[in-house]
Amino acid sequence: MNDALTSRLGRLNGVVAKSLARIAAVILALVAAVTFFDVFARYVFNKPFTFTVEATEFGMALIVFLGVGLVTHNNGHITVDVLTLRLSNRIRALLGLVINILALAYLAILVWRLWLQAFFLLSKGDKTQIWAIPLWPVAFVMAAGSIFLLTGTILYLANTWLSATGWHAPPTAEPAARPFSE
């Protein structure tokens, strides 16, 4: 694997993750609008919407799993680097390698379990209480969105591997650094 390959894959991952995050932003706006109009209808007409809780639950699940890929791609997760900033670049890269391997293992299990849950909901046929909307489509979208959390971690792991082995300079220590979008 070389820098050109990780750069191309990173750009592709970024385009898809950014598109999914835009969809999440639209969903966030819809959740905010539904909540606003529900509160308005409740206090002005004393007639709240019956579906607000379901819409908010679906919306929040989609917002998280469609947006997390972009956060991972942009290395925007919260990090505490008080100790690691005092380490050499080589040690920091090796520590990053270990951490990213552990994160990848955890995330692989998470994504796998999300897919299993989606198939379980499909076979079970659960629906929401108010609108009787099937739960499985949202579960599949969540599972699909989580793939970009995993691919972003794989790309960051590849970048960290290249840094640790001396193939290129290590990623910057800034939390908002964008190692794949050069």
N, C-alpha and C. Protein backbone atom coordinates (compact mmCIF):
# COMPACT_ATOMS: atom_id res chain seq x y z
N MET A 1 0.85 -1.17 0.00
CA MET A 1 0.00 0.00 0.00
C MET A 1 0.89 1.23 0.00
N ASN A 2 0.50 2.23 -0.77
CA ASN A 2 1.30 3.44 -0.81
C ASN A 2 0.42 4.66 -0.58
N ASP A 3 1.07 5.82 -0.52
CA ASP A 3 0.35 7.06 -0.27
C ASP A 3 -0.69 7.34 -1.34
N ALA A 4 -0.38 7.07 -2.59
CA ALA A 4 -1.31 7.36 -3.68
C ALA A 4 -2.59 6.55 -3.52
N LEU A 5 -2.44 5.28 -3.15
CA LEU A 5 -3.61 4.42 -2.98
C LEU A 5 -4.46 4.91 -1.81
N THR A 6 -3.85 5.17 -0.66
CA THR A 6 -4.62 5.64 0.49
C THR A 6 -5.22 7.01 0.21
N SER A 7 -4.54 7.83 -0.57
CA SER A 7 -5.07 9.15 -0.91
C SER A 7 -6.30 9.02 -1.80
N ARG A 8 -6.25 8.16 -2.82
CA ARG A 8 -7.40 7.96 -3.70
C ARG A 8 -8.58 7.35 -2.95
N LEU A 9 -8.30 6.31 -2.17
CA LEU A 9 -9.37 5.68 -1.40
C LEU A 9 -9.92 6.65 -0.36
N GLY A 10 -9.04 7.46 0.20
CA GLY A 10 -9.47 8.46 1.17
C GLY A 10 -10.39 9.50 0.56
N ARG A 11 -10.07 9.94 -0.65
CA ARG A 11 -10.93 10.91 -1.33
C ARG A 11 -12.30 10.30 -1.63
N LEU A 12 -12.32 9.06 -2.09
CA LEU A 12 -13.59 8.38 -2.35
C LEU A 12 -14.39 8.23 -1.07
N ASN A 13 -13.72 7.79 0.00
CA ASN A 13 -14.38 7.66 1.29
C ASN A 13 -14.92 9.01 1.76
N GLY A 14 -14.15 10.06 1.53
CA GLY A 14 -14.58 11.39 1.93
C GLY A 14 -15.80 11.86 1.17
N VAL A 15 -15.85 11.58 -0.13
CA VAL A 15 -17.00 11.99 -0.94
C VAL A 15 -18.27 11.29 -0.46
N VAL A 16 -18.17 9.99 -0.23
CA VAL A 16 -19.35 9.24 0.22
C VAL A 16 -19.73 9.68 1.63
N ALA A 17 -18.75 9.80 2.52
CA ALA A 17 -19.04 10.21 3.90
C ALA A 17 -19.65 11.61 3.94
N LYS A 18 -19.15 12.51 3.11
CA LYS A 18 -19.71 13.87 3.07
C LYS A 18 -21.14 13.85 2.55
N SER A 19 -21.42 13.01 1.57
CA SER A 19 -22.79 12.90 1.05
C SER A 19 -23.74 12.36 2.11
N LEU A 20 -23.29 11.35 2.84
CA LEU A 20 -24.12 10.80 3.91
C LEU A 20 -24.33 11.83 5.02
N ALA A 21 -23.30 12.61 5.32
CA ALA A 21 -23.43 13.64 6.35
C ALA A 21 -24.40 14.74 5.91
N ARG A 22 -24.44 15.03 4.62
CA ARG A 22 -25.42 16.01 4.12
C ARG A 22 -26.85 15.48 4.29
N ILE A 23 -27.02 14.20 4.04
CA ILE A 23 -28.34 13.59 4.27
C ILE A 23 -28.68 13.68 5.76
N ALA A 24 -27.69 13.43 6.62
CA ALA A 24 -27.91 13.55 8.07
C ALA A 24 -28.28 14.97 8.45
N ALA A 25 -27.69 15.96 7.80
CA ALA A 25 -28.01 17.36 8.08
C ALA A 25 -29.46 17.67 7.70
N VAL A 26 -29.91 17.12 6.58
CA VAL A 26 -31.31 17.32 6.18
C VAL A 26 -32.24 16.67 7.20
N ILE A 27 -31.88 15.48 7.64
CA ILE A 27 -32.69 14.79 8.65
C ILE A 27 -32.72 15.59 9.94
N LEU A 28 -31.59 16.16 10.33
CA LEU A 28 -31.54 17.00 11.53
C LEU A 28 -32.48 18.20 11.40
N ALA A 29 -32.48 18.82 10.23
CA ALA A 29 -33.38 19.95 10.00
C ALA A 29 -34.84 19.50 10.08
N LEU A 30 -35.14 18.33 9.54
CA LEU A 30 -36.52 17.81 9.60
C LEU A 30 -36.93 17.51 11.04
N VAL A 31 -36.02 16.92 11.82
CA VAL A 31 -36.32 16.64 13.22
C VAL A 31 -36.56 17.94 13.98
N ALA A 32 -35.74 18.95 13.71
CA ALA A 32 -35.93 20.25 14.37
C ALA A 32 -37.27 20.86 13.97
N ALA A 33 -37.64 20.78 12.69
CA ALA A 33 -38.91 21.34 12.23
C ALA A 33 -40.09 20.60 12.85
N VAL A 34 -40.03 19.28 12.87
CA VAL A 34 -41.11 18.49 13.47
C VAL A 34 -41.25 18.84 14.95
N THR A 35 -40.14 18.95 15.64
CA THR A 35 -40.17 19.28 17.07
C THR A 35 -40.76 20.68 17.28
N PHE A 36 -40.33 21.63 16.46
CA PHE A 36 -40.85 23.00 16.57
C PHE A 36 -42.36 23.02 16.36
N PHE A 37 -42.83 22.40 15.29
CA PHE A 37 -44.26 22.42 15.00
C PHE A 37 -45.06 21.61 16.01
N ASP A 38 -44.47 20.58 16.58
CA ASP A 38 -45.14 19.83 17.63
C ASP A 38 -45.34 20.69 18.86
N VAL A 39 -44.30 21.40 19.26
CA VAL A 39 -44.41 22.28 20.42
C VAL A 39 -45.42 23.40 20.14
N PHE A 40 -45.34 23.96 18.93
CA PHE A 40 -46.29 25.01 18.54
C PHE A 40 -47.73 24.49 18.60
N ALA A 41 -47.97 23.32 18.02
CA ALA A 41 -49.32 22.75 18.00
C ALA A 41 -49.78 22.40 19.41
N ARG A 42 -48.86 21.97 20.25
CA ARG A 42 -49.23 21.60 21.62
C ARG A 42 -49.66 22.82 22.42
N TYR A 43 -48.91 23.91 22.34
CA TYR A 43 -49.21 25.07 23.18
C TYR A 43 -50.22 26.03 22.57
N VAL A 44 -50.32 26.10 21.26
CA VAL A 44 -51.27 27.02 20.64
C VAL A 44 -52.64 26.36 20.45
N PHE A 45 -52.65 25.13 19.93
CA PHE A 45 -53.91 24.46 19.61
C PHE A 45 -54.26 23.33 20.59
N ASN A 46 -53.36 23.06 21.52
CA ASN A 46 -53.53 21.95 22.46
C ASN A 46 -53.72 20.63 21.74
N LYS A 47 -53.04 20.48 20.58
CA LYS A 47 -53.10 19.26 19.76
C LYS A 47 -51.69 18.87 19.32
N PRO A 48 -50.94 18.19 20.17
CA PRO A 48 -49.58 17.80 19.75
C PRO A 48 -49.63 16.68 18.71
N PHE A 49 -48.55 16.56 17.98
CA PHE A 49 -48.44 15.48 16.99
C PHE A 49 -48.25 14.16 17.74
N THR A 50 -48.82 13.11 17.20
CA THR A 50 -48.66 11.80 17.84
C THR A 50 -47.38 11.09 17.41
N PHE A 51 -46.81 11.53 16.32
CA PHE A 51 -45.68 10.81 15.73
C PHE A 51 -44.32 11.42 16.06
N THR A 52 -44.28 12.46 16.86
CA THR A 52 -43.03 13.19 17.09
C THR A 52 -41.95 12.31 17.71
N VAL A 53 -42.31 11.49 18.66
CA VAL A 53 -41.31 10.64 19.31
C VAL A 53 -40.72 9.66 18.31
N GLU A 54 -41.55 9.04 17.49
CA GLU A 54 -41.05 8.09 16.49
C GLU A 54 -40.15 8.79 15.46
N ALA A 55 -40.58 9.95 14.99
CA ALA A 55 -39.79 10.68 14.01
C ALA A 55 -38.44 11.09 14.60
N THR A 56 -38.45 11.53 15.85
CA THR A 56 -37.20 11.93 16.51
C THR A 56 -36.28 10.74 16.73
N GLU A 57 -36.83 9.62 17.15
CA GLU A 57 -36.01 8.42 17.37
C GLU A 57 -35.36 7.97 16.07
N PHE A 58 -36.14 7.87 15.01
CA PHE A 58 -35.59 7.48 13.71
C PHE A 58 -34.55 8.49 13.25
N GLY A 59 -34.91 9.76 13.37
CA GLY A 59 -34.00 10.81 12.92
C GLY A 59 -32.68 10.80 13.65
N MET A 60 -32.71 10.67 14.96
CA MET A 60 -31.46 10.69 15.74
C MET A 60 -30.58 9.48 15.40
N ALA A 61 -31.19 8.32 15.23
CA ALA A 61 -30.41 7.14 14.86
C ALA A 61 -29.73 7.35 13.51
N LEU A 62 -30.46 7.91 12.57
CA LEU A 62 -29.89 8.14 11.24
C LEU A 62 -28.83 9.23 11.27
N ILE A 63 -29.06 10.28 12.04
CA ILE A 63 -28.09 11.37 12.13
C ILE A 63 -26.74 10.86 12.63
N VAL A 64 -26.78 10.05 13.67
CA VAL A 64 -25.53 9.54 14.25
C VAL A 64 -24.80 8.65 13.26
N PHE A 65 -25.48 7.68 12.69
CA PHE A 65 -24.79 6.70 11.87
C PHE A 65 -24.49 7.18 10.45
N LEU A 66 -25.17 8.20 9.99
CA LEU A 66 -24.82 8.77 8.70
C LEU A 66 -23.73 9.84 8.83
N GLY A 67 -23.63 10.45 9.99
CA GLY A 67 -22.64 11.50 10.18
C GLY A 67 -21.30 11.04 10.73
N VAL A 68 -21.27 9.89 11.38
CA VAL A 68 -20.04 9.46 12.04
C VAL A 68 -18.93 9.11 11.04
N GLY A 69 -19.28 8.73 9.84
CA GLY A 69 -18.26 8.44 8.83
C GLY A 69 -17.45 9.67 8.47
N LEU A 70 -18.12 10.81 8.35
CA LEU A 70 -17.41 12.05 8.04
C LEU A 70 -16.54 12.51 9.20
N VAL A 71 -17.05 12.34 10.41
CA VAL A 71 -16.25 12.70 11.59
C VAL A 71 -14.98 11.85 11.63
N THR A 72 -15.11 10.58 11.36
CA THR A 72 -13.94 9.70 11.34
C THR A 72 -13.00 10.07 10.20
N HIS A 73 -13.55 10.32 9.04
CA HIS A 73 -12.73 10.69 7.88
C HIS A 73 -11.92 11.96 8.16
N ASN A 74 -12.54 12.92 8.82
CA ASN A 74 -11.86 14.18 9.13
C ASN A 74 -11.06 14.13 10.41
N ASN A 75 -10.98 12.96 11.04
CA ASN A 75 -10.28 12.80 12.30
C ASN A 75 -10.81 13.81 13.31
N GLY A 76 -12.12 13.93 13.36
CA GLY A 76 -12.75 14.93 14.21
C GLY A 76 -13.24 14.42 15.54
N HIS A 77 -12.91 13.19 15.89
CA HIS A 77 -13.30 12.68 17.20
C HIS A 77 -12.52 13.40 18.28
N ILE A 78 -13.11 13.49 19.44
CA ILE A 78 -12.46 14.16 20.57
C ILE A 78 -11.25 13.33 21.00
N THR A 79 -10.12 13.99 21.13
CA THR A 79 -8.91 13.30 21.59
C THR A 79 -8.29 14.11 22.71
N VAL A 80 -7.63 13.42 23.60
CA VAL A 80 -6.87 14.05 24.67
C VAL A 80 -5.42 13.71 24.41
N ASP A 81 -4.65 14.72 24.07
CA ASP A 81 -3.26 14.48 23.66
C ASP A 81 -2.25 15.12 24.59
N VAL A 82 -2.61 15.28 25.85
CA VAL A 82 -1.71 15.90 26.82
C VAL A 82 -0.41 15.10 26.93
N LEU A 83 -0.51 13.80 27.00
CA LEU A 83 0.69 12.96 27.14
C LEU A 83 1.36 12.67 25.80
N THR A 84 0.54 12.42 24.76
CA THR A 84 1.13 12.00 23.50
C THR A 84 1.90 13.12 22.81
N LEU A 85 1.57 14.36 23.06
CA LEU A 85 2.32 15.46 22.45
C LEU A 85 3.76 15.51 22.95
N ARG A 86 4.02 14.93 24.09
CA ARG A 86 5.36 14.92 24.65
C ARG A 86 6.22 13.78 24.11
N LEU A 87 5.60 12.88 23.36
CA LEU A 87 6.32 11.74 22.80
C LEU A 87 6.93 12.12 21.45
N SER A 88 7.90 11.33 21.03
CA SER A 88 8.49 11.56 19.71
C SER A 88 7.49 11.16 18.64
N ASN A 89 7.71 11.63 17.42
CA ASN A 89 6.80 11.30 16.33
C ASN A 89 6.73 9.80 16.10
N ARG A 90 7.85 9.13 16.20
CA ARG A 90 7.89 7.67 15.98
C ARG A 90 7.07 6.92 17.03
N ILE A 91 7.26 7.28 18.31
CA ILE A 91 6.50 6.62 19.38
C ILE A 91 5.02 6.96 19.25
N ARG A 92 4.72 8.20 18.90
CA ARG A 92 3.33 8.60 18.70
C ARG A 92 2.69 7.79 17.57
N ALA A 93 3.44 7.57 16.51
CA ALA A 93 2.93 6.77 15.38
C ALA A 93 2.70 5.32 15.79
N LEU A 94 3.63 4.76 16.56
CA LEU A 94 3.46 3.37 17.02
C LEU A 94 2.27 3.25 17.98
N LEU A 95 2.12 4.23 18.87
CA LEU A 95 0.99 4.22 19.77
C LEU A 95 -0.32 4.36 18.98
N GLY A 96 -0.32 5.24 17.98
CA GLY A 96 -1.48 5.40 17.12
C GLY A 96 -1.81 4.12 16.38
N LEU A 97 -0.78 3.38 15.98
CA LEU A 97 -0.99 2.11 15.29
C LEU A 97 -1.70 1.11 16.20
N VAL A 98 -1.24 0.99 17.42
CA VAL A 98 -1.87 0.07 18.38
C VAL A 98 -3.32 0.49 18.65
N ILE A 99 -3.52 1.77 18.88
CA ILE A 99 -4.86 2.27 19.18
C ILE A 99 -5.80 2.05 18.00
N ASN A 100 -5.31 2.29 16.79
CA ASN A 100 -6.15 2.12 15.61
C ASN A 100 -6.46 0.65 15.34
N ILE A 101 -5.54 -0.24 15.66
CA ILE A 101 -5.83 -1.67 15.52
C ILE A 101 -6.92 -2.08 16.50
N LEU A 102 -6.82 -1.61 17.74
CA LEU A 102 -7.85 -1.92 18.73
C LEU A 102 -9.20 -1.31 18.32
N ALA A 103 -9.18 -0.08 17.83
CA ALA A 103 -10.41 0.57 17.39
C ALA A 103 -11.02 -0.18 16.22
N LEU A 104 -10.18 -0.61 15.29
CA LEU A 104 -10.68 -1.35 14.13
C LEU A 104 -11.35 -2.66 14.56
N ALA A 105 -10.74 -3.36 15.51
CA ALA A 105 -11.34 -4.61 16.00
C ALA A 105 -12.69 -4.33 16.64
N TYR A 106 -12.76 -3.32 17.47
CA TYR A 106 -14.02 -2.97 18.13
C TYR A 106 -15.07 -2.57 17.10
N LEU A 107 -14.70 -1.72 16.16
CA LEU A 107 -15.65 -1.24 15.17
C LEU A 107 -16.11 -2.35 14.22
N ALA A 108 -15.23 -3.28 13.92
CA ALA A 108 -15.63 -4.42 13.08
C ALA A 108 -16.73 -5.22 13.78
N ILE A 109 -16.59 -5.41 15.07
CA ILE A 109 -17.62 -6.12 15.84
C ILE A 109 -18.91 -5.30 15.87
N LEU A 110 -18.78 -3.99 16.07
CA LEU A 110 -19.94 -3.11 16.10
C LEU A 110 -20.71 -3.15 14.78
N VAL A 111 -20.01 -3.03 13.67
CA VAL A 111 -20.66 -3.05 12.36
C VAL A 111 -21.29 -4.41 12.10
N TRP A 112 -20.59 -5.46 12.43
CA TRP A 112 -21.13 -6.81 12.26
C TRP A 112 -22.43 -6.98 13.06
N ARG A 113 -22.42 -6.53 14.32
CA ARG A 113 -23.61 -6.65 15.16
C ARG A 113 -24.76 -5.77 14.65
N LEU A 114 -24.45 -4.61 14.09
CA LEU A 114 -25.50 -3.78 13.51
C LEU A 114 -26.17 -4.47 12.33
N TRP A 115 -25.37 -5.12 11.50
CA TRP A 115 -25.95 -5.87 10.37
C TRP A 115 -26.79 -7.04 10.87
N LEU A 116 -26.31 -7.75 11.89
CA LEU A 116 -27.10 -8.85 12.44
C LEU A 116 -28.42 -8.34 13.01
N GLN A 117 -28.38 -7.21 13.70
CA GLN A 117 -29.60 -6.64 14.26
C GLN A 117 -30.57 -6.22 13.16
N ALA A 118 -30.05 -5.67 12.08
CA ALA A 118 -30.91 -5.26 10.97
C ALA A 118 -31.61 -6.48 10.36
N PHE A 119 -30.86 -7.57 10.15
CA PHE A 119 -31.47 -8.78 9.60
C PHE A 119 -32.46 -9.39 10.59
N PHE A 120 -32.17 -9.29 11.89
CA PHE A 120 -33.09 -9.79 12.90
C PHE A 120 -34.40 -9.00 12.87
N LEU A 121 -34.31 -7.67 12.77
CA LEU A 121 -35.51 -6.85 12.70
C LEU A 121 -36.31 -7.13 11.42
N LEU A 122 -35.59 -7.41 10.33
CA LEU A 122 -36.27 -7.76 9.08
C LEU A 122 -37.06 -9.05 9.24
N SER A 123 -36.44 -10.05 9.85
CA SER A 123 -37.12 -11.35 10.01
C SER A 123 -38.24 -11.28 11.05
N LYS A 124 -38.06 -10.46 12.06
CA LYS A 124 -39.06 -10.37 13.12
C LYS A 124 -40.25 -9.52 12.70
N GLY A 125 -40.00 -8.50 11.90
CA GLY A 125 -41.10 -7.67 11.41
C GLY A 125 -41.61 -6.63 12.39
N ASP A 126 -40.77 -6.21 13.33
CA ASP A 126 -41.20 -5.19 14.30
C ASP A 126 -41.55 -3.89 13.60
N LYS A 127 -42.56 -3.22 14.18
CA LYS A 127 -43.02 -1.93 13.65
C LYS A 127 -43.16 -0.94 14.79
N THR A 128 -43.21 0.35 14.43
CA THR A 128 -43.42 1.37 15.45
C THR A 128 -44.86 1.31 15.95
N GLN A 129 -45.09 1.85 17.13
CA GLN A 129 -46.41 1.73 17.74
C GLN A 129 -47.46 2.66 17.12
N ILE A 130 -47.06 3.86 16.75
CA ILE A 130 -48.04 4.84 16.27
C ILE A 130 -48.32 4.68 14.78
N TRP A 131 -47.30 4.73 13.97
CA TRP A 131 -47.47 4.71 12.52
C TRP A 131 -47.31 3.32 11.91
N ALA A 132 -46.90 2.36 12.69
CA ALA A 132 -46.67 0.99 12.22
C ALA A 132 -45.66 0.94 11.07
N ILE A 133 -44.59 1.73 11.22
CA ILE A 133 -43.51 1.74 10.23
C ILE A 133 -42.53 0.63 10.61
N PRO A 134 -42.10 -0.19 9.66
CA PRO A 134 -41.13 -1.25 9.98
C PRO A 134 -39.81 -0.65 10.46
N LEU A 135 -39.19 -1.30 11.42
CA LEU A 135 -37.92 -0.82 11.98
C LEU A 135 -36.72 -1.21 11.12
N TRP A 136 -36.84 -2.26 10.33
CA TRP A 136 -35.68 -2.79 9.63
C TRP A 136 -35.07 -1.83 8.61
N PRO A 137 -35.82 -0.99 7.89
CA PRO A 137 -35.14 -0.10 6.94
C PRO A 137 -34.17 0.86 7.64
N VAL A 138 -34.59 1.40 8.77
CA VAL A 138 -33.71 2.31 9.51
C VAL A 138 -32.49 1.54 10.03
N ALA A 139 -32.70 0.31 10.47
CA ALA A 139 -31.58 -0.49 10.96
C ALA A 139 -30.57 -0.78 9.84
N PHE A 140 -31.05 -1.02 8.64
CA PHE A 140 -30.14 -1.25 7.52
C PHE A 140 -29.38 0.01 7.12
N VAL A 141 -30.05 1.16 7.17
CA VAL A 141 -29.37 2.42 6.87
C VAL A 141 -28.30 2.70 7.93
N MET A 142 -28.62 2.42 9.19
CA MET A 142 -27.63 2.60 10.26
C MET A 142 -26.42 1.69 10.03
N ALA A 143 -26.68 0.45 9.68
CA ALA A 143 -25.59 -0.50 9.44
C ALA A 143 -24.75 -0.07 8.24
N ALA A 144 -25.40 0.39 7.19
CA ALA A 144 -24.67 0.84 6.00
C ALA A 144 -23.85 2.10 6.31
N GLY A 145 -24.42 3.02 7.07
CA GLY A 145 -23.68 4.23 7.44
C GLY A 145 -22.49 3.93 8.32
N SER A 146 -22.61 2.91 9.15
CA SER A 146 -21.50 2.57 10.04
C SER A 146 -20.31 1.99 9.28
N ILE A 147 -20.54 1.53 8.07
CA ILE A 147 -19.42 1.02 7.26
C ILE A 147 -18.39 2.11 7.03
N PHE A 148 -18.85 3.36 6.90
CA PHE A 148 -17.90 4.44 6.63
C PHE A 148 -17.16 4.88 7.88
N LEU A 149 -17.67 4.54 9.04
CA LEU A 149 -16.89 4.66 10.27
C LEU A 149 -15.75 3.65 10.21
N LEU A 150 -16.06 2.46 9.76
CA LEU A 150 -15.06 1.40 9.65
C LEU A 150 -14.03 1.71 8.56
N THR A 151 -14.48 2.15 7.38
CA THR A 151 -13.53 2.44 6.31
C THR A 151 -12.64 3.63 6.64
N GLY A 152 -13.20 4.63 7.32
CA GLY A 152 -12.38 5.76 7.76
C GLY A 152 -11.30 5.31 8.73
N THR A 153 -11.65 4.39 9.61
CA THR A 153 -10.66 3.85 10.56
C THR A 153 -9.62 3.02 9.84
N ILE A 154 -10.03 2.25 8.85
CA ILE A 154 -9.06 1.46 8.07
C ILE A 154 -8.08 2.38 7.35
N LEU A 155 -8.60 3.43 6.74
CA LEU A 155 -7.71 4.38 6.05
C LEU A 155 -6.78 5.10 7.03
N TYR A 156 -7.30 5.47 8.18
CA TYR A 156 -6.45 6.11 9.17
C TYR A 156 -5.40 5.13 9.68
N LEU A 157 -5.78 3.86 9.84
CA LEU A 157 -4.83 2.84 10.25
C LEU A 157 -3.74 2.67 9.20
N ALA A 158 -4.12 2.66 7.92
CA ALA A 158 -3.13 2.56 6.85
C ALA A 158 -2.18 3.76 6.87
N ASN A 159 -2.74 4.93 7.08
CA ASN A 159 -1.92 6.14 7.17
C ASN A 159 -0.97 6.08 8.36
N THR A 160 -1.48 5.59 9.48
CA THR A 160 -0.65 5.45 10.69
C THR A 160 0.43 4.40 10.47
N TRP A 161 0.09 3.31 9.78
CA TRP A 161 1.08 2.28 9.46
C TRP A 161 2.21 2.86 8.62
N LEU A 162 1.85 3.65 7.60
CA LEU A 162 2.86 4.27 6.76
C LEU A 162 3.73 5.22 7.58
N SER A 163 3.15 5.91 8.53
CA SER A 163 3.91 6.81 9.40
C SER A 163 4.84 6.03 10.31
N ALA A 164 4.32 4.95 10.90
CA ALA A 164 5.11 4.17 11.84
C ALA A 164 6.28 3.47 11.16
N THR A 165 6.08 3.09 9.91
CA THR A 165 7.15 2.40 9.19
C THR A 165 8.08 3.36 8.47
N GLY A 166 7.78 4.66 8.56
CA GLY A 166 8.66 5.65 7.98
C GLY A 166 8.42 5.94 6.51
N TRP A 167 7.29 5.54 5.96
CA TRP A 167 7.01 5.78 4.54
C TRP A 167 6.64 7.23 4.28
N HIS A 168 6.05 7.89 5.23
CA HIS A 168 5.79 9.32 5.10
C HIS A 168 5.65 9.93 6.48
N ALA A 169 5.51 11.24 6.53
CA ALA A 169 5.42 11.95 7.80
C ALA A 169 4.17 11.52 8.55
N PRO A 170 4.21 11.49 9.88
CA PRO A 170 3.05 11.08 10.66
C PRO A 170 1.92 12.11 10.54
N PRO A 171 0.69 11.66 10.80
CA PRO A 171 -0.42 12.61 10.78
C PRO A 171 -0.23 13.67 11.85
N THR A 172 -0.76 14.84 11.59
CA THR A 172 -0.61 15.92 12.55
C THR A 172 -1.38 15.59 13.82
N ALA A 173 -1.00 16.23 14.90
CA ALA A 173 -1.63 15.97 16.19
C ALA A 173 -2.88 16.82 16.38
N GLU A 174 -3.19 17.70 15.43
CA GLU A 174 -4.37 18.53 15.56
C GLU A 174 -5.62 17.66 15.46
N PRO A 175 -6.62 17.88 16.33
CA PRO A 175 -7.82 17.07 16.28
C PRO A 175 -8.59 17.19 14.98
N ALA A 176 -8.53 18.34 14.32
CA ALA A 176 -9.32 18.53 13.11
C ALA A 176 -8.49 18.31 11.85
N ALA A 177 -7.36 17.62 11.97
CA ALA A 177 -6.52 17.37 10.80
C ALA A 177 -7.27 16.50 9.81
N ARG A 178 -6.98 16.67 8.54
CA ARG A 178 -7.64 15.89 7.51
C ARG A 178 -6.59 15.10 6.73
N PRO A 179 -6.20 13.93 7.24
CA PRO A 179 -5.09 13.21 6.62
C PRO A 179 -5.39 12.63 5.26
N PHE A 180 -6.65 12.53 4.85
CA PHE A 180 -6.96 11.86 3.59
C PHE A 180 -7.47 12.80 2.52
N SER A 181 -7.58 14.06 2.80
CA SER A 181 -8.19 14.96 1.82
C SER A 181 -7.20 15.99 1.30
N GLU A 182 -6.02 15.57 0.98
CA GLU A 182 -5.01 16.48 0.47
C GLU A 182 -5.29 16.87 -0.95
